[in-house]
Amino acid sequence: MQDALAKHSQNWIIFTWVSFGIAAVMMALGIYNLEASFSAKGFYTMAAIMLVHTSITLTKTLRDRDESEKLHHRIEDAKTEKLLLDINSPEQS
């Protein structure tokens, strides 16, 4: 049977949030200091927000698909195990 879901440590969770925050601040500062028109800065800001949004959506979709496959495999394993037990057990007549 498959192991339970991996648990992330609190330090890893903090690290990922801090990394995301730093990247977001760096992106915002880079766009703010960009020598371009206001409309170009707006375009880059919308593109950055959309990129973050689609990255999160893609990650969630891939994780959900993986979880679904794990559940499907568990069900198939249980069916196979039951079938093998039925074949190997002596018939009760």
PDB file of N, CA and C in Angstrom:
ATOM      1  N   MET A   1       0.838  -1.181   0.000  1.00  0.00           N
ATOM      2  CA  MET A   1       0.000   0.000   0.000  1.00  0.00           C
ATOM      3  C   MET A   1       0.881   1.242   0.000  1.00  0.00           C
ATOM      4  N   GLN A   2       0.391   2.307  -0.565  1.00  0.00           N
ATOM      5  CA  GLN A   2       1.192   3.507  -0.695  1.00  0.00           C
ATOM      6  C   GLN A   2       1.265   4.261   0.629  1.00  0.00           C
ATOM      7  N   ASP A   3       2.364   5.002   0.791  1.00  0.00           N
ATOM      8  CA  ASP A   3       2.550   5.787   2.005  1.00  0.00           C
ATOM      9  C   ASP A   3       1.571   6.954   2.030  1.00  0.00           C
ATOM     10  N   ALA A   4       1.353   7.470   3.224  1.00  0.00           N
ATOM     11  CA  ALA A   4       0.509   8.660   3.371  1.00  0.00           C
ATOM     12  C   ALA A   4       1.208   9.840   2.698  1.00  0.00           C
ATOM     13  N   LEU A   5       0.478  10.906   2.500  1.00  0.00           N
ATOM     14  CA  LEU A   5       1.051  12.089   1.870  1.00  0.00           C
ATOM     15  C   LEU A   5       2.230  12.603   2.678  1.00  0.00           C
ATOM     16  N   ALA A   6       3.257  13.092   1.972  1.00  0.00           N
ATOM     17  CA  ALA A   6       4.435  13.637   2.632  1.00  0.00           C
ATOM     18  C   ALA A   6       4.066  14.932   3.337  1.00  0.00           C
ATOM     19  N   LYS A   7       4.539  15.086   4.547  1.00  0.00           N
ATOM     20  CA  LYS A   7       4.281  16.306   5.316  1.00  0.00           C
ATOM     21  C   LYS A   7       5.478  17.226   5.167  1.00  0.00           C
ATOM     22  N   HIS A   8       5.209  18.498   4.936  1.00  0.00           N
ATOM     23  CA  HIS A   8       6.287  19.480   4.820  1.00  0.00           C
ATOM     24  C   HIS A   8       6.580  20.060   6.194  1.00  0.00           C
ATOM     25  N   SER A   9       7.861  20.318   6.440  1.00  0.00           N
ATOM     26  CA  SER A   9       8.244  20.912   7.716  1.00  0.00           C
ATOM     27  C   SER A   9       7.836  22.392   7.737  1.00  0.00           C
ATOM     28  N   GLN A  10       7.709  22.919   8.942  1.00  0.00           N
ATOM     29  CA  GLN A  10       7.334  24.329   9.094  1.00  0.00           C
ATOM     30  C   GLN A  10       8.399  25.228   8.475  1.00  0.00           C
ATOM     31  N   ASN A  11       9.670  24.835   8.583  1.00  0.00           N
ATOM     32  CA  ASN A  11      10.747  25.628   7.996  1.00  0.00           C
ATOM     33  C   ASN A  11      10.622  25.696   6.477  1.00  0.00           C
ATOM     34  N   TRP A  12      10.253  24.594   5.849  1.00  0.00           N
ATOM     35  CA  TRP A  12      10.089  24.587   4.394  1.00  0.00           C
ATOM     36  C   TRP A  12       8.935  25.494   3.969  1.00  0.00           C
ATOM     37  N   ILE A  13       7.853  25.450   4.708  1.00  0.00           N
ATOM     38  CA  ILE A  13       6.693  26.289   4.391  1.00  0.00           C
ATOM     39  C   ILE A  13       7.065  27.771   4.525  1.00  0.00           C
ATOM     40  N   ILE A  14       7.762  28.113   5.587  1.00  0.00           N
ATOM     41  CA  ILE A  14       8.212  29.500   5.776  1.00  0.00           C
ATOM     42  C   ILE A  14       9.149  29.900   4.642  1.00  0.00           C
ATOM     43  N   PHE A  15      10.076  29.030   4.281  1.00  0.00           N
ATOM     44  CA  PHE A  15      11.018  29.313   3.198  1.00  0.00           C
ATOM     45  C   PHE A  15      10.291  29.599   1.888  1.00  0.00           C
ATOM     46  N   THR A  16       9.281  28.793   1.562  1.00  0.00           N
ATOM     47  CA  THR A  16       8.573  28.997   0.298  1.00  0.00           C
ATOM     48  C   THR A  16       7.797  30.311   0.304  1.00  0.00           C
ATOM     49  N   TRP A  17       7.160  30.660   1.423  1.00  0.00           N
ATOM     50  CA  TRP A  17       6.440  31.927   1.494  1.00  0.00           C
ATOM     51  C   TRP A  17       7.401  33.115   1.405  1.00  0.00           C
ATOM     52  N   VAL A  18       8.532  33.039   2.100  1.00  0.00           N
ATOM     53  CA  VAL A  18       9.520  34.123   2.050  1.00  0.00           C
ATOM     54  C   VAL A  18      10.079  34.262   0.640  1.00  0.00           C
ATOM     55  N   SER A  19      10.371  33.144  -0.008  1.00  0.00           N
ATOM     56  CA  SER A  19      10.880  33.181  -1.379  1.00  0.00           C
ATOM     57  C   SER A  19       9.867  33.819  -2.322  1.00  0.00           C
ATOM     58  N   PHE A  20       8.598  33.454  -2.171  1.00  0.00           N
ATOM     59  CA  PHE A  20       7.551  34.050  -2.992  1.00  0.00           C
ATOM     60  C   PHE A  20       7.457  35.556  -2.744  1.00  0.00           C
ATOM     61  N   GLY A  21       7.499  35.946  -1.478  1.00  0.00           N
ATOM     62  CA  GLY A  21       7.430  37.368  -1.135  1.00  0.00           C
ATOM     63  C   GLY A  21       8.580  38.168  -1.711  1.00  0.00           C
ATOM     64  N   ILE A  22       9.784  37.620  -1.601  1.00  0.00           N
ATOM     65  CA  ILE A  22      10.961  38.304  -2.154  1.00  0.00           C
ATOM     66  C   ILE A  22      10.841  38.433  -3.665  1.00  0.00           C
ATOM     67  N   ALA A  23      10.429  37.370  -4.336  1.00  0.00           N
ATOM     68  CA  ALA A  23      10.281  37.415  -5.790  1.00  0.00           C
ATOM     69  C   ALA A  23       9.222  38.435  -6.202  1.00  0.00           C
ATOM     70  N   ALA A  24       8.109  38.487  -5.473  1.00  0.00           N
ATOM     71  CA  ALA A  24       7.049  39.448  -5.798  1.00  0.00           C
ATOM     72  C   ALA A  24       7.526  40.886  -5.603  1.00  0.00           C
ATOM     73  N   VAL A  25       8.241  41.134  -4.510  1.00  0.00           N
ATOM     74  CA  VAL A  25       8.760  42.483  -4.258  1.00  0.00           C
ATOM     75  C   VAL A  25       9.782  42.867  -5.325  1.00  0.00           C
ATOM     76  N   MET A  26      10.664  41.935  -5.685  1.00  0.00           N
ATOM     77  CA  MET A  26      11.660  42.228  -6.717  1.00  0.00           C
ATOM     78  C   MET A  26      10.988  42.533  -8.057  1.00  0.00           C
ATOM     79  N   MET A  27       9.960  41.776  -8.405  1.00  0.00           N
ATOM     80  CA  MET A  27       9.235  42.026  -9.644  1.00  0.00           C
ATOM     81  C   MET A  27       8.564  43.400  -9.612  1.00  0.00           C
ATOM     82  N   ALA A  28       7.919  43.719  -8.479  1.00  0.00           N
ATOM     83  CA  ALA A  28       7.235  45.009  -8.360  1.00  0.00           C
ATOM     84  C   ALA A  28       8.237  46.165  -8.451  1.00  0.00           C
ATOM     85  N   LEU A  29       9.361  46.032  -7.768  1.00  0.00           N
ATOM     86  CA  LEU A  29      10.385  47.090  -7.835  1.00  0.00           C
ATOM     87  C   LEU A  29      10.968  47.215  -9.241  1.00  0.00           C
ATOM     88  N   GLY A  30      11.171  46.087  -9.886  1.00  0.00           N
ATOM     89  CA  GLY A  30      11.695  46.124 -11.253  1.00  0.00           C
ATOM     90  C   GLY A  30      10.745  46.814 -12.208  1.00  0.00           C
ATOM     91  N   ILE A  31       9.459  46.525 -12.086  1.00  0.00           N
ATOM     92  CA  ILE A  31       8.471  47.178 -12.960  1.00  0.00           C
ATOM     93  C   ILE A  31       8.350  48.659 -12.612  1.00  0.00           C
ATOM     94  N   TYR A  32       8.367  48.988 -11.314  1.00  0.00           N
ATOM     95  CA  TYR A  32       8.253  50.378 -10.880  1.00  0.00           C
ATOM     96  C   TYR A  32       9.424  51.221 -11.401  1.00  0.00           C
ATOM     97  N   ASN A  33      10.639  50.664 -11.342  1.00  0.00           N
ATOM     98  CA  ASN A  33      11.837  51.400 -11.766  1.00  0.00           C
ATOM     99  C   ASN A  33      12.110  51.299 -13.259  1.00  0.00           C
ATOM    100  N   LEU A  34      11.273  50.602 -13.981  1.00  0.00           N
ATOM    101  CA  LEU A  34      11.446  50.447 -15.417  1.00  0.00           C
ATOM    102  C   LEU A  34      11.260  51.787 -16.117  1.00  0.00           C
ATOM    103  N   GLU A  35      12.161  52.100 -17.007  1.00  0.00           N
ATOM    104  CA  GLU A  35      12.046  53.350 -17.765  1.00  0.00           C
ATOM    105  C   GLU A  35      11.158  53.095 -18.971  1.00  0.00           C
ATOM    106  N   ALA A  36       9.872  53.136 -18.722  1.00  0.00           N
ATOM    107  CA  ALA A  36       8.894  52.899 -19.773  1.00  0.00           C
ATOM    108  C   ALA A  36       7.644  53.710 -19.449  1.00  0.00           C
ATOM    109  N   SER A  37       6.748  53.764 -20.398  1.00  0.00           N
ATOM    110  CA  SER A  37       5.497  54.507 -20.182  1.00  0.00           C
ATOM    111  C   SER A  37       4.638  53.799 -19.136  1.00  0.00           C
ATOM    112  N   PHE A  38       3.678  54.554 -18.632  1.00  0.00           N
ATOM    113  CA  PHE A  38       2.770  54.008 -17.623  1.00  0.00           C
ATOM    114  C   PHE A  38       2.000  52.818 -18.176  1.00  0.00           C
ATOM    115  N   SER A  39       1.599  52.892 -19.441  1.00  0.00           N
ATOM    116  CA  SER A  39       0.846  51.782 -20.041  1.00  0.00           C
ATOM    117  C   SER A  39       1.726  50.536 -20.193  1.00  0.00           C
ATOM    118  N   ALA A  40       3.001  50.706 -20.507  1.00  0.00           N
ATOM    119  CA  ALA A  40       3.910  49.559 -20.608  1.00  0.00           C
ATOM    120  C   ALA A  40       4.110  48.923 -19.233  1.00  0.00           C
ATOM    121  N   LYS A  41       4.242  49.754 -18.207  1.00  0.00           N
ATOM    122  CA  LYS A  41       4.370  49.220 -16.847  1.00  0.00           C
ATOM    123  C   LYS A  41       3.113  48.452 -16.457  1.00  0.00           C
ATOM    124  N   GLY A  42       1.961  48.976 -16.850  1.00  0.00           N
ATOM    125  CA  GLY A  42       0.706  48.283 -16.566  1.00  0.00           C
ATOM    126  C   GLY A  42       0.642  46.939 -17.265  1.00  0.00           C
ATOM    127  N   PHE A  43       1.111  46.905 -18.523  1.00  0.00           N
ATOM    128  CA  PHE A  43       1.130  45.648 -19.265  1.00  0.00           C
ATOM    129  C   PHE A  43       2.026  44.624 -18.577  1.00  0.00           C
ATOM    130  N   TYR A  44       3.224  45.055 -18.180  1.00  0.00           N
ATOM    131  CA  TYR A  44       4.141  44.134 -17.494  1.00  0.00           C
ATOM    132  C   TYR A  44       3.563  43.663 -16.155  1.00  0.00           C
ATOM    133  N   THR A  45       2.881  44.552 -15.445  1.00  0.00           N
ATOM    134  CA  THR A  45       2.264  44.177 -14.175  1.00  0.00           C
ATOM    135  C   THR A  45       1.170  43.139 -14.389  1.00  0.00           C
ATOM    136  N   MET A  46       0.311  43.361 -15.390  1.00  0.00           N
ATOM    137  CA  MET A  46      -0.747  42.388 -15.681  1.00  0.00           C
ATOM    138  C   MET A  46      -0.142  41.051 -16.102  1.00  0.00           C
ATOM    139  N   ALA A  47       0.931  41.087 -16.901  1.00  0.00           N
ATOM    140  CA  ALA A  47       1.578  39.848 -17.326  1.00  0.00           C
ATOM    141  C   ALA A  47       2.172  39.104 -16.131  1.00  0.00           C
ATOM    142  N   ALA A  48       2.778  39.825 -15.201  1.00  0.00           N
ATOM    143  CA  ALA A  48       3.363  39.194 -14.012  1.00  0.00           C
ATOM    144  C   ALA A  48       2.274  38.563 -13.149  1.00  0.00           C
ATOM    145  N   ILE A  49       1.175  39.271 -12.949  1.00  0.00           N
ATOM    146  CA  ILE A  49       0.072  38.733 -12.146  1.00  0.00           C
ATOM    147  C   ILE A  49      -0.516  37.499 -12.818  1.00  0.00           C
ATOM    148  N   MET A  50      -0.700  37.564 -14.133  1.00  0.00           N
ATOM    149  CA  MET A  50      -1.259  36.417 -14.861  1.00  0.00           C
ATOM    150  C   MET A  50      -0.309  35.221 -14.802  1.00  0.00           C
ATOM    151  N   LEU A  51       0.984  35.463 -14.889  1.00  0.00           N
ATOM    152  CA  LEU A  51       1.966  34.379 -14.809  1.00  0.00           C
ATOM    153  C   LEU A  51       1.917  33.696 -13.442  1.00  0.00           C
ATOM    154  N   VAL A  52       1.829  34.473 -12.379  1.00  0.00           N
ATOM    155  CA  VAL A  52       1.726  33.895 -11.031  1.00  0.00           C
ATOM    156  C   VAL A  52       0.422  33.104 -10.914  1.00  0.00           C
ATOM    157  N   HIS A  53      -0.675  33.678 -11.388  1.00  0.00           N
ATOM    158  CA  HIS A  53      -1.974  33.003 -11.309  1.00  0.00           C
ATOM    159  C   HIS A  53      -1.966  31.681 -12.060  1.00  0.00           C
ATOM    160  N   THR A  54      -1.452  31.685 -13.282  1.00  0.00           N
ATOM    161  CA  THR A  54      -1.451  30.447 -14.065  1.00  0.00           C
ATOM    162  C   THR A  54      -0.477  29.423 -13.499  1.00  0.00           C
ATOM    163  N   SER A  55       0.609  29.868 -12.895  1.00  0.00           N
ATOM    164  CA  SER A  55       1.546  28.932 -12.253  1.00  0.00           C
ATOM    165  C   SER A  55       0.873  28.215 -11.091  1.00  0.00           C
ATOM    166  N   ILE A  56       0.122  28.956 -10.294  1.00  0.00           N
ATOM    167  CA  ILE A  56      -0.591  28.349  -9.167  1.00  0.00           C
ATOM    168  C   ILE A  56      -1.657  27.387  -9.674  1.00  0.00           C
ATOM    169  N   THR A  57      -2.400  27.807 -10.698  1.00  0.00           N
ATOM    170  CA  THR A  57      -3.453  26.963 -11.253  1.00  0.00           C
ATOM    171  C   THR A  57      -2.882  25.685 -11.850  1.00  0.00           C
ATOM    172  N   LEU A  58      -1.790  25.798 -12.585  1.00  0.00           N
ATOM    173  CA  LEU A  58      -1.149  24.628 -13.179  1.00  0.00           C
ATOM    174  C   LEU A  58      -0.654  23.672 -12.101  1.00  0.00           C
ATOM    175  N   THR A  59      -0.022  24.205 -11.075  1.00  0.00           N
ATOM    176  CA  THR A  59       0.473  23.377  -9.978  1.00  0.00           C
ATOM    177  C   THR A  59      -0.671  22.633  -9.298  1.00  0.00           C
ATOM    178  N   LYS A  60      -1.763  23.328  -9.022  1.00  0.00           N
ATOM    179  CA  LYS A  60      -2.917  22.691  -8.380  1.00  0.00           C
ATOM    180  C   LYS A  60      -3.517  21.620  -9.279  1.00  0.00           C
ATOM    181  N   THR A  61      -3.628  21.899 -10.566  1.00  0.00           N
ATOM    182  CA  THR A  61      -4.204  20.934 -11.496  1.00  0.00           C
ATOM    183  C   THR A  61      -3.354  19.671 -11.560  1.00  0.00           C
ATOM    184  N   LEU A  62      -2.040  19.830 -11.653  1.00  0.00           N
ATOM    185  CA  LEU A  62      -1.149  18.662 -11.709  1.00  0.00           C
ATOM    186  C   LEU A  62      -1.203  17.870 -10.406  1.00  0.00           C
ATOM    187  N   ARG A  63      -1.273  18.576  -9.275  1.00  0.00           N
ATOM    188  CA  ARG A  63      -1.363  17.882  -7.980  1.00  0.00           C
ATOM    189  C   ARG A  63      -2.677  17.121  -7.864  1.00  0.00           C
ATOM    190  N   ASP A  64      -3.772  17.751  -8.274  1.00  0.00           N
ATOM    191  CA  ASP A  64      -5.079  17.084  -8.218  1.00  0.00           C
ATOM    192  C   ASP A  64      -5.110  15.852  -9.109  1.00  0.00           C
ATOM    193  N   ARG A  65      -4.509  15.950 -10.297  1.00  0.00           N
ATOM    194  CA  ARG A  65      -4.464  14.793 -11.195  1.00  0.00           C
ATOM    195  C   ARG A  65      -3.650  13.670 -10.575  1.00  0.00           C
ATOM    196  N   ASP A  66      -2.538  14.003  -9.953  1.00  0.00           N
ATOM    197  CA  ASP A  66      -1.698  12.999  -9.308  1.00  0.00           C
ATOM    198  C   ASP A  66      -2.443  12.332  -8.154  1.00  0.00           C
ATOM    199  N   GLU A  67      -3.153  13.114  -7.354  1.00  0.00           N
ATOM    200  CA  GLU A  67      -3.932  12.554  -6.245  1.00  0.00           C
ATOM    201  C   GLU A  67      -5.032  11.640  -6.769  1.00  0.00           C
ATOM    202  N   SER A  68      -5.663  12.024  -7.860  1.00  0.00           N
ATOM    203  CA  SER A  68      -6.716  11.198  -8.450  1.00  0.00           C
ATOM    204  C   SER A  68      -6.156   9.860  -8.928  1.00  0.00           C
ATOM    205  N   GLU A  69      -4.987   9.899  -9.559  1.00  0.00           N
ATOM    206  CA  GLU A  69      -4.350   8.662 -10.020  1.00  0.00           C
ATOM    207  C   GLU A  69      -3.971   7.774  -8.845  1.00  0.00           C
ATOM    208  N   LYS A  70      -3.505   8.372  -7.745  1.00  0.00           N
ATOM    209  CA  LYS A  70      -3.156   7.586  -6.561  1.00  0.00           C
ATOM    210  C   LYS A  70      -4.391   6.872  -6.023  1.00  0.00           C
ATOM    211  N   LEU A  71      -5.522   7.586  -5.966  1.00  0.00           N
ATOM    212  CA  LEU A  71      -6.762   6.980  -5.485  1.00  0.00           C
ATOM    213  C   LEU A  71      -7.197   5.853  -6.410  1.00  0.00           C
ATOM    214  N   HIS A  72      -7.094   6.083  -7.715  1.00  0.00           N
ATOM    215  CA  HIS A  72      -7.469   5.054  -8.690  1.00  0.00           C
ATOM    216  C   HIS A  72      -6.604   3.807  -8.505  1.00  0.00           C
ATOM    217  N   HIS A  73      -5.303   4.005  -8.309  1.00  0.00           N
ATOM    218  CA  HIS A  73      -4.402   2.854  -8.124  1.00  0.00           C
ATOM    219  C   HIS A  73      -4.709   2.118  -6.821  1.00  0.00           C
ATOM    220  N   ARG A  74      -5.079   2.857  -5.773  1.00  0.00           N
ATOM    221  CA  ARG A  74      -5.437   2.208  -4.514  1.00  0.00           C
ATOM    222  C   ARG A  74      -6.681   1.342  -4.683  1.00  0.00           C
ATOM    223  N   ILE A  75      -7.649   1.853  -5.407  1.00  0.00           N
ATOM    224  CA  ILE A  75      -8.878   1.080  -5.655  1.00  0.00           C
ATOM    225  C   ILE A  75      -8.552  -0.163  -6.469  1.00  0.00           C
ATOM    226  N   GLU A  76      -7.738  -0.019  -7.513  1.00  0.00           N
ATOM    227  CA  GLU A  76      -7.349  -1.167  -8.335  1.00  0.00           C
ATOM    228  C   GLU A  76      -6.566  -2.185  -7.518  1.00  0.00           C
ATOM    229  N   ASP A  77      -5.673  -1.708  -6.648  1.00  0.00           N
ATOM    230  CA  ASP A  77      -4.909  -2.626  -5.792  1.00  0.00           C
ATOM    231  C   ASP A  77      -5.830  -3.385  -4.847  1.00  0.00           C
ATOM    232  N   ALA A  78      -6.827  -2.700  -4.294  1.00  0.00           N
ATOM    233  CA  ALA A  78      -7.761  -3.356  -3.383  1.00  0.00           C
ATOM    234  C   ALA A  78      -8.593  -4.412  -4.119  1.00  0.00           C
ATOM    235  N   LYS A  79      -9.023  -4.092  -5.332  1.00  0.00           N
ATOM    236  CA  LYS A  79      -9.787  -5.059  -6.129  1.00  0.00           C
ATOM    237  C   LYS A  79      -8.943  -6.281  -6.444  1.00  0.00           C
ATOM    238  N   THR A  80      -7.694  -6.058  -6.822  1.00  0.00           N
ATOM    239  CA  THR A  80      -6.795  -7.169  -7.141  1.00  0.00           C
ATOM    240  C   THR A  80      -6.539  -8.022  -5.906  1.00  0.00           C
ATOM    241  N   GLU A  81      -6.310  -7.390  -4.769  1.00  0.00           N
ATOM    242  CA  GLU A  81      -6.061  -8.126  -3.535  1.00  0.00           C
ATOM    243  C   GLU A  81      -7.278  -8.965  -3.154  1.00  0.00           C
ATOM    244  N   LYS A  82      -8.476  -8.410  -3.275  1.00  0.00           N
ATOM    245  CA  LYS A  82      -9.697  -9.156  -2.968  1.00  0.00           C
ATOM    246  C   LYS A  82      -9.858 -10.339  -3.915  1.00  0.00           C
ATOM    247  N   LEU A  83      -9.585 -10.124  -5.195  1.00  0.00           N
ATOM    248  CA  LEU A  83      -9.692 -11.200  -6.176  1.00  0.00           C
ATOM    249  C   LEU A  83      -8.711 -12.319  -5.858  1.00  0.00           C
ATOM    250  N   LEU A  84      -7.483 -11.966  -5.495  1.00  0.00           N
ATOM    251  CA  LEU A  84      -6.483 -12.981  -5.143  1.00  0.00           C
ATOM    252  C   LEU A  84      -6.874 -13.728  -3.871  1.00  0.00           C
ATOM    253  N   LEU A  85      -7.428 -13.028  -2.908  1.00  0.00           N
ATOM    254  CA  LEU A  85      -7.877 -13.697  -1.686  1.00  0.00           C
ATOM    255  C   LEU A  85      -9.024 -14.664  -1.982  1.00  0.00           C
ATOM    256  N   ASP A  86      -9.934 -14.245  -2.864  1.00  0.00           N
ATOM    257  CA  ASP A  86     -11.057 -15.111  -3.231  1.00  0.00           C
ATOM    258  C   ASP A  86     -10.562 -16.369  -3.966  1.00  0.00           C
ATOM    259  N   ILE A  87      -9.548 -16.214  -4.803  1.00  0.00           N
ATOM    260  CA  ILE A  87      -9.025 -17.349  -5.563  1.00  0.00           C
ATOM    261  C   ILE A  87      -8.264 -18.285  -4.621  1.00  0.00           C
ATOM    262  N   ASN A  88      -7.492 -17.752  -3.705  1.00  0.00           N
ATOM    263  CA  ASN A  88      -6.655 -18.568  -2.844  1.00  0.00           C
ATOM    264  C   ASN A  88      -7.398 -19.177  -1.660  1.00  0.00           C
ATOM    265  N   SER A  89      -8.539 -18.631  -1.315  1.00  0.00           N
ATOM    266  CA  SER A  89      -9.262 -19.186  -0.158  1.00  0.00           C
ATOM    267  C   SER A  89     -10.025 -20.455  -0.593  1.00  0.00           C
ATOM    268  N   PRO A  90     -10.096 -21.448   0.315  1.00  0.00           N
ATOM    269  CA  PRO A  90     -10.828 -22.662  -0.026  1.00  0.00           C
ATOM    270  C   PRO A  90     -12.330 -22.358  -0.148  1.00  0.00           C
ATOM    271  N   GLU A  91     -12.955 -22.997  -1.095  1.00  0.00           N
ATOM    272  CA  GLU A  91     -14.378 -22.766  -1.311  1.00  0.00           C
ATOM    273  C   GLU A  91     -15.177 -23.347  -0.164  1.00  0.00           C
ATOM    274  N   GLN A  92     -16.183 -22.616   0.219  1.00  0.00           N
ATOM    275  CA  GLN A  92     -17.058 -23.079   1.299  1.00  0.00           C
ATOM    276  C   GLN A  92     -18.356 -23.525   0.668  1.00  0.00           C
ATOM    277  N   SER A  93     -18.580 -24.822   0.636  1.00  0.00           N
ATOM    278  CA  SER A  93     -19.793 -25.353   0.018  1.00  0.00           C
ATOM    279  C   SER A  93     -20.692 -25.952   1.033  1.00  0.00           C
TER     280      SER A  93
END
